[in-house]
Amino acid sequence: KMADESGKNENEFLFSVLEIITNKKP
């Protein structure tokens, strides 16, 4: 649901989550 509401596709959403958590872009 969070991915759908983000306006991004699933992978883009997950990569953005990881970048926020780690301060490093996958």
PDB file of all heavy atoms in Angstrom:
ATOM      1  N   LYS A   1       0.833  -1.207   0.000  1.00  0.00           N
ATOM      2  CA  LYS A   1       0.000   0.000   0.000  1.00  0.00           C
ATOM      3  C   LYS A   1       0.864   1.253   0.000  1.00  0.00           C
ATOM      4  O   LYS A   1       0.586   2.221  -0.717  1.00  0.00           O
ATOM      5  CB  LYS A   1      -0.920  -0.003   1.225  1.00  0.00           C
ATOM      6  CG  LYS A   1      -1.869   1.192   1.280  1.00  0.00           C
ATOM      7  CD  LYS A   1      -2.782   1.108   2.490  1.00  0.00           C
ATOM      8  CE  LYS A   1      -3.724   2.314   2.536  1.00  0.00           C
ATOM      9  NZ  LYS A   1      -4.617   2.272   3.733  1.00  0.00           N
ATOM     10  N   MET A   2       1.931   1.258   0.794  1.00  0.00           N
ATOM     11  CA  MET A   2       2.836   2.402   0.849  1.00  0.00           C
ATOM     12  C   MET A   2       3.500   2.641  -0.503  1.00  0.00           C
ATOM     13  O   MET A   2       3.657   3.783  -0.950  1.00  0.00           O
ATOM     14  CB  MET A   2       3.906   2.165   1.919  1.00  0.00           C
ATOM     15  CG  MET A   2       3.380   2.225   3.340  1.00  0.00           C
ATOM     16  SD  MET A   2       4.603   1.656   4.559  1.00  0.00           S
ATOM     17  CE  MET A   2       5.891   2.896   4.357  1.00  0.00           C
ATOM     18  N   ALA A   3       3.876   1.551  -1.162  1.00  0.00           N
ATOM     19  CA  ALA A   3       4.492   1.674  -2.487  1.00  0.00           C
ATOM     20  C   ALA A   3       3.507   2.256  -3.482  1.00  0.00           C
ATOM     21  O   ALA A   3       3.855   3.147  -4.273  1.00  0.00           O
ATOM     22  CB  ALA A   3       4.984   0.304  -2.954  1.00  0.00           C
ATOM     23  N   ASP A   4       2.283   1.776  -3.450  1.00  0.00           N
ATOM     24  CA  ASP A   4       1.254   2.274  -4.373  1.00  0.00           C
ATOM     25  C   ASP A   4       0.984   3.761  -4.153  1.00  0.00           C
ATOM     26  O   ASP A   4       0.812   4.524  -5.107  1.00  0.00           O
ATOM     27  CB  ASP A   4      -0.044   1.482  -4.203  1.00  0.00           C
ATOM     28  CG  ASP A   4       0.092   0.032  -4.667  1.00  0.00           C
ATOM     29  OD1 ASP A   4       1.038  -0.261  -5.426  1.00  0.00           O
ATOM     30  OD2 ASP A   4      -0.743  -0.797  -4.253  1.00  0.00           O
ATOM     31  N   GLU A   5       0.964   4.159  -2.877  1.00  0.00           N
ATOM     32  CA  GLU A   5       0.656   5.552  -2.551  1.00  0.00           C
ATOM     33  C   GLU A   5       1.839   6.494  -2.793  1.00  0.00           C
ATOM     34  O   GLU A   5       1.660   7.708  -2.849  1.00  0.00           O
ATOM     35  CB  GLU A   5       0.215   5.652  -1.084  1.00  0.00           C
ATOM     36  CG  GLU A   5      -1.131   4.985  -0.808  1.00  0.00           C
ATOM     37  CD  GLU A   5      -1.518   5.008   0.656  1.00  0.00           C
ATOM     38  OE1 GLU A   5      -0.634   5.361   1.487  1.00  0.00           O
ATOM     39  OE2 GLU A   5      -2.676   4.673   0.977  1.00  0.00           O
ATOM     40  N   SER A   6       3.040   5.920  -2.955  1.00  0.00           N
ATOM     41  CA  SER A   6       4.233   6.757  -3.151  1.00  0.00           C
ATOM     42  C   SER A   6       4.312   7.351  -4.546  1.00  0.00           C
ATOM     43  O   SER A   6       5.048   8.319  -4.783  1.00  0.00           O
ATOM     44  CB  SER A   6       5.498   5.922  -2.892  1.00  0.00           C
ATOM     45  OG  SER A   6       5.725   5.004  -3.956  1.00  0.00           O
ATOM     46  N   GLY A   7       3.579   6.760  -5.474  1.00  0.00           N
ATOM     47  CA  GLY A   7       3.637   7.232  -6.848  1.00  0.00           C
ATOM     48  C   GLY A   7       4.811   6.653  -7.617  1.00  0.00           C
ATOM     49  O   GLY A   7       5.019   6.978  -8.788  1.00  0.00           O
ATOM     50  N   LYS A   8       5.592   5.782  -6.962  1.00  0.00           N
ATOM     51  CA  LYS A   8       6.740   5.152  -7.602  1.00  0.00           C
ATOM     52  C   LYS A   8       6.403   3.692  -7.892  1.00  0.00           C
ATOM     53  O   LYS A   8       5.485   3.125  -7.289  1.00  0.00           O
ATOM     54  CB  LYS A   8       7.965   5.220  -6.689  1.00  0.00           C
ATOM     55  CG  LYS A   8       8.360   6.627  -6.274  1.00  0.00           C
ATOM     56  CD  LYS A   8       9.514   6.589  -5.266  1.00  0.00           C
ATOM     57  CE  LYS A   8       9.892   8.007  -4.820  1.00  0.00           C
ATOM     58  NZ  LYS A   8      10.970   7.996  -3.811  1.00  0.00           N
ATOM     59  N   ASN A   9       7.176   3.108  -8.812  1.00  0.00           N
ATOM     60  CA  ASN A   9       6.981   1.671  -8.971  1.00  0.00           C
ATOM     61  C   ASN A   9       7.607   0.960  -7.774  1.00  0.00           C
ATOM     62  O   ASN A   9       8.331   1.568  -6.996  1.00  0.00           O
ATOM     63  CB  ASN A   9       7.534   1.163 -10.313  1.00  0.00           C
ATOM     64  CG  ASN A   9       9.049   1.231 -10.412  1.00  0.00           C
ATOM     65  OD1 ASN A   9       9.773   0.887  -9.473  1.00  0.00           O
ATOM     66  ND2 ASN A   9       9.553   1.665 -11.565  1.00  0.00           N
ATOM     67  N   GLU A  10       7.339  -0.323  -7.644  1.00  0.00           N
ATOM     68  CA  GLU A  10       7.740  -1.064  -6.441  1.00  0.00           C
ATOM     69  C   GLU A  10       9.236  -0.997  -6.176  1.00  0.00           C
ATOM     70  O   GLU A  10       9.670  -0.737  -5.045  1.00  0.00           O
ATOM     71  CB  GLU A  10       7.289  -2.514  -6.569  1.00  0.00           C
ATOM     72  CG  GLU A  10       7.459  -3.345  -5.312  1.00  0.00           C
ATOM     73  CD  GLU A  10       6.812  -4.708  -5.442  1.00  0.00           C
ATOM     74  OE1 GLU A  10       5.569  -4.776  -5.360  1.00  0.00           O
ATOM     75  OE2 GLU A  10       7.533  -5.698  -5.639  1.00  0.00           O
ATOM     76  N   ASN A  11      10.030  -1.221  -7.200  1.00  0.00           N
ATOM     77  CA  ASN A  11      11.477  -1.218  -7.019  1.00  0.00           C
ATOM     78  C   ASN A  11      12.001   0.168  -6.655  1.00  0.00           C
ATOM     79  O   ASN A  11      12.871   0.303  -5.787  1.00  0.00           O
ATOM     80  CB  ASN A  11      12.175  -1.740  -8.270  1.00  0.00           C
ATOM     81  CG  ASN A  11      11.877  -3.205  -8.527  1.00  0.00           C
ATOM     82  OD1 ASN A  11      11.640  -3.974  -7.599  1.00  0.00           O
ATOM     83  ND2 ASN A  11      11.865  -3.588  -9.791  1.00  0.00           N
ATOM     84  N   GLU A  12      11.497   1.192  -7.316  1.00  0.00           N
ATOM     85  CA  GLU A  12      11.910   2.563  -7.003  1.00  0.00           C
ATOM     86  C   GLU A  12      11.585   2.900  -5.552  1.00  0.00           C
ATOM     87  O   GLU A  12      12.383   3.552  -4.863  1.00  0.00           O
ATOM     88  CB  GLU A  12      11.215   3.550  -7.936  1.00  0.00           C
ATOM     89  CG  GLU A  12      11.691   3.509  -9.368  1.00  0.00           C
ATOM     90  CD  GLU A  12      10.863   4.387 -10.284  1.00  0.00           C
ATOM     91  OE1 GLU A  12       9.716   4.738  -9.900  1.00  0.00           O
ATOM     92  OE2 GLU A  12      11.341   4.727 -11.388  1.00  0.00           O
ATOM     93  N   PHE A  13      10.424   2.453  -5.108  1.00  0.00           N
ATOM     94  CA  PHE A  13      10.021   2.695  -3.726  1.00  0.00           C
ATOM     95  C   PHE A  13      10.991   2.021  -2.754  1.00  0.00           C
ATOM     96  O   PHE A  13      11.458   2.635  -1.792  1.00  0.00           O
ATOM     97  CB  PHE A  13       8.603   2.178  -3.490  1.00  0.00           C
ATOM     98  CG  PHE A  13       8.180   2.171  -2.043  1.00  0.00           C
ATOM     99  CD1 PHE A  13       7.886   3.351  -1.387  1.00  0.00           C
ATOM    100  CD2 PHE A  13       8.102   0.972  -1.338  1.00  0.00           C
ATOM    101  CE1 PHE A  13       7.511   3.352  -0.041  1.00  0.00           C
ATOM    102  CE2 PHE A  13       7.732   0.959   0.005  1.00  0.00           C
ATOM    103  CZ  PHE A  13       7.434   2.151   0.645  1.00  0.00           C
ATOM    104  N   LEU A  14      11.326   0.762  -3.015  1.00  0.00           N
ATOM    105  CA  LEU A  14      12.234   0.029  -2.136  1.00  0.00           C
ATOM    106  C   LEU A  14      13.630   0.649  -2.133  1.00  0.00           C
ATOM    107  O   LEU A  14      14.263   0.762  -1.080  1.00  0.00           O
ATOM    108  CB  LEU A  14      12.302  -1.440  -2.556  1.00  0.00           C
ATOM    109  CG  LEU A  14      11.011  -2.248  -2.385  1.00  0.00           C
ATOM    110  CD1 LEU A  14      11.196  -3.674  -2.891  1.00  0.00           C
ATOM    111  CD2 LEU A  14      10.544  -2.260  -0.931  1.00  0.00           C
ATOM    112  N   PHE A  15      14.097   1.065  -3.291  1.00  0.00           N
ATOM    113  CA  PHE A  15      15.416   1.701  -3.357  1.00  0.00           C
ATOM    114  C   PHE A  15      15.432   3.015  -2.584  1.00  0.00           C
ATOM    115  O   PHE A  15      16.417   3.348  -1.924  1.00  0.00           O
ATOM    116  CB  PHE A  15      15.813   1.952  -4.808  1.00  0.00           C
ATOM    117  CG  PHE A  15      16.062   0.698  -5.605  1.00  0.00           C
ATOM    118  CD1 PHE A  15      16.003   0.719  -6.984  1.00  0.00           C
ATOM    119  CD2 PHE A  15      16.342  -0.513  -4.972  1.00  0.00           C
ATOM    120  CE1 PHE A  15      16.235  -0.435  -7.720  1.00  0.00           C
ATOM    121  CE2 PHE A  15      16.567  -1.669  -5.694  1.00  0.00           C
ATOM    122  CZ  PHE A  15      16.507  -1.636  -7.083  1.00  0.00           C
ATOM    123  N   SER A  16      14.320   3.753  -2.655  1.00  0.00           N
ATOM    124  CA  SER A  16      14.258   5.023  -1.919  1.00  0.00           C
ATOM    125  C   SER A  16      14.240   4.773  -0.418  1.00  0.00           C
ATOM    126  O   SER A  16      14.840   5.533   0.348  1.00  0.00           O
ATOM    127  CB  SER A  16      13.019   5.821  -2.333  1.00  0.00           C
ATOM    128  OG  SER A  16      11.814   5.192  -1.927  1.00  0.00           O
ATOM    129  N   VAL A  17      13.581   3.710   0.024  1.00  0.00           N
ATOM    130  CA  VAL A  17      13.561   3.345   1.442  1.00  0.00           C
ATOM    131  C   VAL A  17      14.972   3.020   1.913  1.00  0.00           C
ATOM    132  O   VAL A  17      15.423   3.489   2.966  1.00  0.00           O
ATOM    133  CB  VAL A  17      12.623   2.139   1.695  1.00  0.00           C
ATOM    134  CG1 VAL A  17      12.812   1.594   3.101  1.00  0.00           C
ATOM    135  CG2 VAL A  17      11.171   2.546   1.486  1.00  0.00           C
ATOM    136  N   LEU A  18      15.691   2.224   1.126  1.00  0.00           N
ATOM    137  CA  LEU A  18      17.060   1.854   1.485  1.00  0.00           C
ATOM    138  C   LEU A  18      17.981   3.075   1.508  1.00  0.00           C
ATOM    139  O   LEU A  18      18.854   3.185   2.376  1.00  0.00           O
ATOM    140  CB  LEU A  18      17.599   0.813   0.503  1.00  0.00           C
ATOM    141  CG  LEU A  18      17.023  -0.600   0.625  1.00  0.00           C
ATOM    142  CD1 LEU A  18      17.586  -1.498  -0.465  1.00  0.00           C
ATOM    143  CD2 LEU A  18      17.302  -1.182   1.994  1.00  0.00           C
ATOM    144  N   GLU A  19      17.771   3.985   0.576  1.00  0.00           N
ATOM    145  CA  GLU A  19      18.617   5.189   0.541  1.00  0.00           C
ATOM    146  C   GLU A  19      18.362   6.063   1.766  1.00  0.00           C
ATOM    147  O   GLU A  19      19.308   6.611   2.349  1.00  0.00           O
ATOM    148  CB  GLU A  19      18.346   5.986  -0.734  1.00  0.00           C
ATOM    149  CG  GLU A  19      19.277   7.183  -0.902  1.00  0.00           C
ATOM    150  CD  GLU A  19      19.124   7.869  -2.238  1.00  0.00           C
ATOM    151  OE1 GLU A  19      18.258   7.444  -3.045  1.00  0.00           O
ATOM    152  OE2 GLU A  19      19.853   8.847  -2.487  1.00  0.00           O
ATOM    153  N   ILE A  20      17.114   6.165   2.186  1.00  0.00           N
ATOM    154  CA  ILE A  20      16.779   6.945   3.379  1.00  0.00           C
ATOM    155  C   ILE A  20      17.415   6.315   4.617  1.00  0.00           C
ATOM    156  O   ILE A  20      17.967   7.007   5.476  1.00  0.00           O
ATOM    157  CB  ILE A  20      15.247   7.037   3.549  1.00  0.00           C
ATOM    158  CG1 ILE A  20      14.645   7.925   2.446  1.00  0.00           C
ATOM    159  CG2 ILE A  20      14.886   7.592   4.925  1.00  0.00           C
ATOM    160  CD1 ILE A  20      13.133   7.897   2.396  1.00  0.00           C
ATOM    161  N   ILE A  21      17.344   4.992   4.704  1.00  0.00           N
ATOM    162  CA  ILE A  21      17.858   4.285   5.879  1.00  0.00           C
ATOM    163  C   ILE A  21      19.381   4.358   5.959  1.00  0.00           C
ATOM    164  O   ILE A  21      19.950   4.549   7.042  1.00  0.00           O
ATOM    165  CB  ILE A  21      17.413   2.812   5.859  1.00  0.00           C
ATOM    166  CG1 ILE A  21      15.892   2.713   6.064  1.00  0.00           C
ATOM    167  CG2 ILE A  21      18.128   2.010   6.942  1.00  0.00           C
ATOM    168  CD1 ILE A  21      15.345   1.315   5.872  1.00  0.00           C
ATOM    169  N   THR A  22      20.042   4.213   4.826  1.00  0.00           N
ATOM    170  CA  THR A  22      21.506   4.059   4.827  1.00  0.00           C
ATOM    171  C   THR A  22      22.267   5.298   4.351  1.00  0.00           C
ATOM    172  O   THR A  22      23.502   5.331   4.447  1.00  0.00           O
ATOM    173  CB  THR A  22      21.912   2.882   3.928  1.00  0.00           C
ATOM    174  OG1 THR A  22      21.557   3.186   2.561  1.00  0.00           O
ATOM    175  CG2 THR A  22      21.216   1.609   4.362  1.00  0.00           C
ATOM    176  N   ASN A  23      21.534   6.278   3.808  1.00  0.00           N
ATOM    177  CA  ASN A  23      22.190   7.452   3.209  1.00  0.00           C
ATOM    178  C   ASN A  23      23.113   7.053   2.064  1.00  0.00           C
ATOM    179  O   ASN A  23      24.101   7.738   1.779  1.00  0.00           O
ATOM    180  CB  ASN A  23      22.988   8.244   4.263  1.00  0.00           C
ATOM    181  CG  ASN A  23      22.083   8.919   5.276  1.00  0.00           C
ATOM    182  OD1 ASN A  23      21.066   9.514   4.915  1.00  0.00           O
ATOM    183  ND2 ASN A  23      22.440   8.801   6.542  1.00  0.00           N
ATOM    184  N   LYS A  24      22.784   5.952   1.434  1.00  0.00           N
ATOM    185  CA  LYS A  24      23.571   5.475   0.305  1.00  0.00           C
ATOM    186  C   LYS A  24      22.621   4.912  -0.749  1.00  0.00           C
ATOM    187  O   LYS A  24      21.765   4.080  -0.459  1.00  0.00           O
ATOM    188  CB  LYS A  24      24.538   4.380   0.776  1.00  0.00           C
ATOM    189  CG  LYS A  24      25.385   3.784  -0.330  1.00  0.00           C
ATOM    190  CD  LYS A  24      26.264   2.670   0.222  1.00  0.00           C
ATOM    191  CE  LYS A  24      27.048   1.991  -0.894  1.00  0.00           C
ATOM    192  NZ  LYS A  24      27.859   0.849  -0.390  1.00  0.00           N
ATOM    193  N   LYS A  25      22.781   5.391  -1.978  1.00  0.00           N
ATOM    194  CA  LYS A  25      21.906   4.957  -3.056  1.00  0.00           C
ATOM    195  C   LYS A  25      22.286   3.554  -3.513  1.00  0.00           C
ATOM    196  O   LYS A  25      23.466   3.287  -3.796  1.00  0.00           O
ATOM    197  CB  LYS A  25      22.002   5.928  -4.232  1.00  0.00           C
ATOM    198  CG  LYS A  25      20.961   5.698  -5.312  1.00  0.00           C
ATOM    199  CD  LYS A  25      21.004   6.820  -6.338  1.00  0.00           C
ATOM    200  CE  LYS A  25      19.912   6.638  -7.385  1.00  0.00           C
ATOM    201  NZ  LYS A  25      19.910   7.754  -8.361  1.00  0.00           N
ATOM    202  N   PRO A  26      21.326   2.631  -3.591  1.00  0.00           N
ATOM    203  CA  PRO A  26      21.634   1.278  -4.060  1.00  0.00           C
ATOM    204  C   PRO A  26      22.156   1.288  -5.493  1.00  0.00           C
ATOM    205  O   PRO A  26      21.649   2.030  -6.336  1.00  0.00           O
ATOM    206  CB  PRO A  26      20.284   0.555  -3.976  1.00  0.00           C
ATOM    207  CG  PRO A  26      19.507   1.335  -2.965  1.00  0.00           C
ATOM    208  CD  PRO A  26      19.925   2.757  -3.160  1.00  0.00           C
TER     209      PRO A  26
END
